[in-house]
Amino acid sequence: MPQLNLSPWFAILVFSWVVFLTIIPTKILNHTAPNEPTPMSEEKHKTEPWDWPW
């Protein structure tokens, strides 16, 4: 029975994990998000007291 012969199946398993762990993550990490967050400015906004009209 071919299922009992370990050598071809083990090689396929190892090669597939090498592909999954080296090639695929680099392809996924190369993609960028369409809306990158912009850094907020460090300046403080000047607030003024609100005088009510009554």
PDB file of N, CA and C in Angstrom:
ATOM      1  N   MET A   1       0.829  -1.177   0.000  1.00  0.00           N
ATOM      2  CA  MET A   1       0.000   0.000   0.000  1.00  0.00           C
ATOM      3  C   MET A   1       0.883   1.254   0.000  1.00  0.00           C
ATOM      4  N   PRO A   2       0.606   2.232  -0.855  1.00  0.00           N
ATOM      5  CA  PRO A   2       1.486   3.396  -0.948  1.00  0.00           C
ATOM      6  C   PRO A   2       1.403   4.332   0.258  1.00  0.00           C
ATOM      7  N   GLN A   3       0.331   4.270   1.035  1.00  0.00           N
ATOM      8  CA  GLN A   3       0.207   5.145   2.185  1.00  0.00           C
ATOM      9  C   GLN A   3       1.227   4.811   3.274  1.00  0.00           C
ATOM     10  N   LEU A   4       1.694   3.587   3.296  1.00  0.00           N
ATOM     11  CA  LEU A   4       2.619   3.170   4.342  1.00  0.00           C
ATOM     12  C   LEU A   4       4.059   3.581   4.041  1.00  0.00           C
ATOM     13  N   ASN A   5       4.349   3.928   2.798  1.00  0.00           N
ATOM     14  CA  ASN A   5       5.692   4.379   2.442  1.00  0.00           C
ATOM     15  C   ASN A   5       5.805   5.844   2.830  1.00  0.00           C
ATOM     16  N   LEU A   6       6.633   6.148   3.812  1.00  0.00           N
ATOM     17  CA  LEU A   6       6.692   7.477   4.398  1.00  0.00           C
ATOM     18  C   LEU A   6       7.488   8.472   3.555  1.00  0.00           C
ATOM     19  N   SER A   7       8.438   8.015   2.782  1.00  0.00           N
ATOM     20  CA  SER A   7       9.376   8.940   2.162  1.00  0.00           C
ATOM     21  C   SER A   7       8.733   9.948   1.203  1.00  0.00           C
ATOM     22  N   PRO A   8       7.852   9.597   0.269  1.00  0.00           N
ATOM     23  CA  PRO A   8       7.329  10.669  -0.598  1.00  0.00           C
ATOM     24  C   PRO A   8       6.386  11.615   0.144  1.00  0.00           C
ATOM     25  N   TRP A   9       5.600  11.108   1.074  1.00  0.00           N
ATOM     26  CA  TRP A   9       4.631  11.948   1.775  1.00  0.00           C
ATOM     27  C   TRP A   9       5.322  12.895   2.748  1.00  0.00           C
ATOM     28  N   PHE A  10       6.384  12.437   3.366  1.00  0.00           N
ATOM     29  CA  PHE A  10       7.121  13.309   4.277  1.00  0.00           C
ATOM     30  C   PHE A  10       7.798  14.449   3.509  1.00  0.00           C
ATOM     31  N   ALA A  11       8.334  14.148   2.339  1.00  0.00           N
ATOM     32  CA  ALA A  11       8.966  15.185   1.520  1.00  0.00           C
ATOM     33  C   ALA A  11       7.930  16.211   1.062  1.00  0.00           C
ATOM     34  N   ILE A  12       6.748  15.756   0.680  1.00  0.00           N
ATOM     35  CA  ILE A  12       5.678  16.669   0.271  1.00  0.00           C
ATOM     36  C   ILE A  12       5.253  17.537   1.459  1.00  0.00           C
ATOM     37  N   LEU A  13       5.135  16.940   2.635  1.00  0.00           N
ATOM     38  CA  LEU A  13       4.761  17.690   3.828  1.00  0.00           C
ATOM     39  C   LEU A  13       5.800  18.761   4.157  1.00  0.00           C
ATOM     40  N   VAL A  14       7.066  18.395   4.148  1.00  0.00           N
ATOM     41  CA  VAL A  14       8.120  19.356   4.473  1.00  0.00           C
ATOM     42  C   VAL A  14       8.176  20.465   3.432  1.00  0.00           C
ATOM     43  N   PHE A  15       8.083  20.121   2.163  1.00  0.00           N
ATOM     44  CA  PHE A  15       8.134  21.143   1.110  1.00  0.00           C
ATOM     45  C   PHE A  15       6.938  22.080   1.194  1.00  0.00           C
ATOM     46  N   SER A  16       5.770  21.561   1.484  1.00  0.00           N
ATOM     47  CA  SER A  16       4.601  22.428   1.585  1.00  0.00           C
ATOM     48  C   SER A  16       4.725  23.379   2.776  1.00  0.00           C
ATOM     49  N   TRP A  17       5.286  22.914   3.908  1.00  0.00           N
ATOM     50  CA  TRP A  17       5.480  23.811   5.050  1.00  0.00           C
ATOM     51  C   TRP A  17       6.555  24.851   4.772  1.00  0.00           C
ATOM     52  N   VAL A  18       7.565  24.487   4.012  1.00  0.00           N
ATOM     53  CA  VAL A  18       8.577  25.478   3.624  1.00  0.00           C
ATOM     54  C   VAL A  18       7.940  26.564   2.779  1.00  0.00           C
ATOM     55  N   VAL A  19       7.056  26.175   1.866  1.00  0.00           N
ATOM     56  CA  VAL A  19       6.354  27.161   1.041  1.00  0.00           C
ATOM     57  C   VAL A  19       5.471  28.041   1.914  1.00  0.00           C
ATOM     58  N   PHE A  20       4.720  27.433   2.813  1.00  0.00           N
ATOM     59  CA  PHE A  20       3.819  28.200   3.668  1.00  0.00           C
ATOM     60  C   PHE A  20       4.568  29.167   4.579  1.00  0.00           C
ATOM     61  N   LEU A  21       5.720  28.776   5.079  1.00  0.00           N
ATOM     62  CA  LEU A  21       6.417  29.599   6.057  1.00  0.00           C
ATOM     63  C   LEU A  21       7.384  30.604   5.454  1.00  0.00           C
ATOM     64  N   THR A  22       7.731  30.479   4.180  1.00  0.00           N
ATOM     65  CA  THR A  22       8.683  31.421   3.589  1.00  0.00           C
ATOM     66  C   THR A  22       8.069  32.287   2.508  1.00  0.00           C
ATOM     67  N   ILE A  23       7.369  31.707   1.589  1.00  0.00           N
ATOM     68  CA  ILE A  23       6.898  32.460   0.427  1.00  0.00           C
ATOM     69  C   ILE A  23       5.600  33.190   0.729  1.00  0.00           C
ATOM     70  N   ILE A  24       4.641  32.523   1.298  1.00  0.00           N
ATOM     71  CA  ILE A  24       3.310  33.107   1.486  1.00  0.00           C
ATOM     72  C   ILE A  24       3.314  34.273   2.483  1.00  0.00           C
ATOM     73  N   PRO A  25       3.981  34.202   3.653  1.00  0.00           N
ATOM     74  CA  PRO A  25       3.972  35.375   4.551  1.00  0.00           C
ATOM     75  C   PRO A  25       4.616  36.609   3.938  1.00  0.00           C
ATOM     76  N   THR A  26       5.661  36.438   3.126  1.00  0.00           N
ATOM     77  CA  THR A  26       6.282  37.611   2.511  1.00  0.00           C
ATOM     78  C   THR A  26       5.342  38.239   1.498  1.00  0.00           C
ATOM     79  N   LYS A  27       4.576  37.445   0.781  1.00  0.00           N
ATOM     80  CA  LYS A  27       3.615  38.007  -0.164  1.00  0.00           C
ATOM     81  C   LYS A  27       2.492  38.737   0.567  1.00  0.00           C
ATOM     82  N   ILE A  28       2.058  38.204   1.695  1.00  0.00           N
ATOM     83  CA  ILE A  28       0.971  38.846   2.446  1.00  0.00           C
ATOM     84  C   ILE A  28       1.463  40.129   3.102  1.00  0.00           C
ATOM     85  N   LEU A  29       2.666  40.136   3.649  1.00  0.00           N
ATOM     86  CA  LEU A  29       3.173  41.312   4.345  1.00  0.00           C
ATOM     87  C   LEU A  29       3.546  42.447   3.397  1.00  0.00           C
ATOM     88  N   ASN A  30       3.689  42.170   2.103  1.00  0.00           N
ATOM     89  CA  ASN A  30       4.011  43.231   1.154  1.00  0.00           C
ATOM     90  C   ASN A  30       2.806  44.095   0.831  1.00  0.00           C
ATOM     91  N   HIS A  31       1.602  43.646   1.136  1.00  0.00           N
ATOM     92  CA  HIS A  31       0.417  44.436   0.870  1.00  0.00           C
ATOM     93  C   HIS A  31       0.310  45.560   1.897  1.00  0.00           C
ATOM     94  N   THR A  32      -0.142  46.714   1.442  1.00  0.00           N
ATOM     95  CA  THR A  32      -0.320  47.840   2.346  1.00  0.00           C
ATOM     96  C   THR A  32      -1.802  48.144   2.483  1.00  0.00           C
ATOM     97  N   ALA A  33      -2.146  48.725   3.594  1.00  0.00           N
ATOM     98  CA  ALA A  33      -3.534  49.104   3.827  1.00  0.00           C
ATOM     99  C   ALA A  33      -3.854  50.334   2.974  1.00  0.00           C
ATOM    100  N   PRO A  34      -5.060  50.443   2.442  1.00  0.00           N
ATOM    101  CA  PRO A  34      -5.378  51.591   1.587  1.00  0.00           C
ATOM    102  C   PRO A  34      -5.439  52.906   2.346  1.00  0.00           C
ATOM    103  N   ASN A  35      -5.779  52.876   3.617  1.00  0.00           N
ATOM    104  CA  ASN A  35      -5.875  54.099   4.412  1.00  0.00           C
ATOM    105  C   ASN A  35      -4.904  54.023   5.580  1.00  0.00           C
ATOM    106  N   GLU A  36      -3.688  54.462   5.330  1.00  0.00           N
ATOM    107  CA  GLU A  36      -2.694  54.465   6.395  1.00  0.00           C
ATOM    108  C   GLU A  36      -3.039  55.566   7.400  1.00  0.00           C
ATOM    109  N   PRO A  37      -2.879  55.316   8.686  1.00  0.00           N
ATOM    110  CA  PRO A  37      -3.180  56.358   9.673  1.00  0.00           C
ATOM    111  C   PRO A  37      -2.154  57.490   9.592  1.00  0.00           C
ATOM    112  N   THR A  38      -2.644  58.705   9.694  1.00  0.00           N
ATOM    113  CA  THR A  38      -1.744  59.852   9.666  1.00  0.00           C
ATOM    114  C   THR A  38      -1.376  60.232  11.094  1.00  0.00           C
ATOM    115  N   PRO A  39      -0.146  60.602  11.331  1.00  0.00           N
ATOM    116  CA  PRO A  39       0.247  60.969  12.703  1.00  0.00           C
ATOM    117  C   PRO A  39      -0.405  62.282  13.121  1.00  0.00           C
ATOM    118  N   MET A  40      -0.782  62.332  14.366  1.00  0.00           N
ATOM    119  CA  MET A  40      -1.397  63.543  14.898  1.00  0.00           C
ATOM    120  C   MET A  40      -0.308  64.558  15.215  1.00  0.00           C
ATOM    121  N   SER A  41      -0.647  65.832  15.067  1.00  0.00           N
ATOM    122  CA  SER A  41       0.317  66.883  15.384  1.00  0.00           C
ATOM    123  C   SER A  41       0.420  67.026  16.899  1.00  0.00           C
ATOM    124  N   GLU A  42       1.585  67.442  17.336  1.00  0.00           N
ATOM    125  CA  GLU A  42       1.845  67.547  18.768  1.00  0.00           C
ATOM    126  C   GLU A  42       1.432  68.898  19.346  1.00  0.00           C
ATOM    127  N   GLU A  43       1.056  69.845  18.497  1.00  0.00           N
ATOM    128  CA  GLU A  43       0.733  71.173  19.012  1.00  0.00           C
ATOM    129  C   GLU A  43      -0.607  71.152  19.745  1.00  0.00           C
ATOM    130  N   LYS A  44      -0.670  71.954  20.790  1.00  0.00           N
ATOM    131  CA  LYS A  44      -1.901  72.070  21.568  1.00  0.00           C
ATOM    132  C   LYS A  44      -2.801  73.113  20.923  1.00  0.00           C
ATOM    133  N   HIS A  45      -4.070  72.801  20.835  1.00  0.00           N
ATOM    134  CA  HIS A  45      -5.015  73.763  20.287  1.00  0.00           C
ATOM    135  C   HIS A  45      -5.387  74.780  21.370  1.00  0.00           C
ATOM    136  N   LYS A  46      -5.425  76.037  20.965  1.00  0.00           N
ATOM    137  CA  LYS A  46      -5.752  77.083  21.923  1.00  0.00           C
ATOM    138  C   LYS A  46      -7.273  77.120  22.110  1.00  0.00           C
ATOM    139  N   THR A  47      -7.687  76.985  23.332  1.00  0.00           N
ATOM    140  CA  THR A  47      -9.117  77.039  23.627  1.00  0.00           C
ATOM    141  C   THR A  47      -9.435  78.352  24.308  1.00  0.00           C
ATOM    142  N   GLU A  48     -10.574  78.900  23.961  1.00  0.00           N
ATOM    143  CA  GLU A  48     -11.008  80.158  24.548  1.00  0.00           C
ATOM    144  C   GLU A  48     -12.297  79.916  25.313  1.00  0.00           C
ATOM    145  N   PRO A  49     -12.511  80.672  26.403  1.00  0.00           N
ATOM    146  CA  PRO A  49     -13.764  80.486  27.145  1.00  0.00           C
ATOM    147  C   PRO A  49     -14.947  80.948  26.309  1.00  0.00           C
ATOM    148  N   TRP A  50     -16.054  80.291  26.504  1.00  0.00           N
ATOM    149  CA  TRP A  50     -17.238  80.580  25.726  1.00  0.00           C
ATOM    150  C   TRP A  50     -18.145  81.500  26.571  1.00  0.00           C
ATOM    151  N   ASP A  51     -18.297  82.704  26.099  1.00  0.00           N
ATOM    152  CA  ASP A  51     -19.173  83.666  26.800  1.00  0.00           C
ATOM    153  C   ASP A  51     -20.592  83.512  26.277  1.00  0.00           C
ATOM    154  N   TRP A  52     -21.488  83.139  27.164  1.00  0.00           N
ATOM    155  CA  TRP A  52     -22.873  82.985  26.748  1.00  0.00           C
ATOM    156  C   TRP A  52     -23.528  84.349  26.597  1.00  0.00           C
ATOM    157  N   PRO A  53     -24.409  84.534  25.630  1.00  0.00           N
ATOM    158  CA  PRO A  53     -24.972  85.861  25.362  1.00  0.00           C
ATOM    159  C   PRO A  53     -25.997  86.317  26.374  1.00  0.00           C
ATOM    160  N   TRP A  54     -26.439  85.547  27.310  1.00  0.00           N
ATOM    161  CA  TRP A  54     -27.462  86.033  28.257  1.00  0.00           C
ATOM    162  C   TRP A  54     -26.902  86.380  29.585  1.00  0.00           C
TER     163      TRP A  54
END
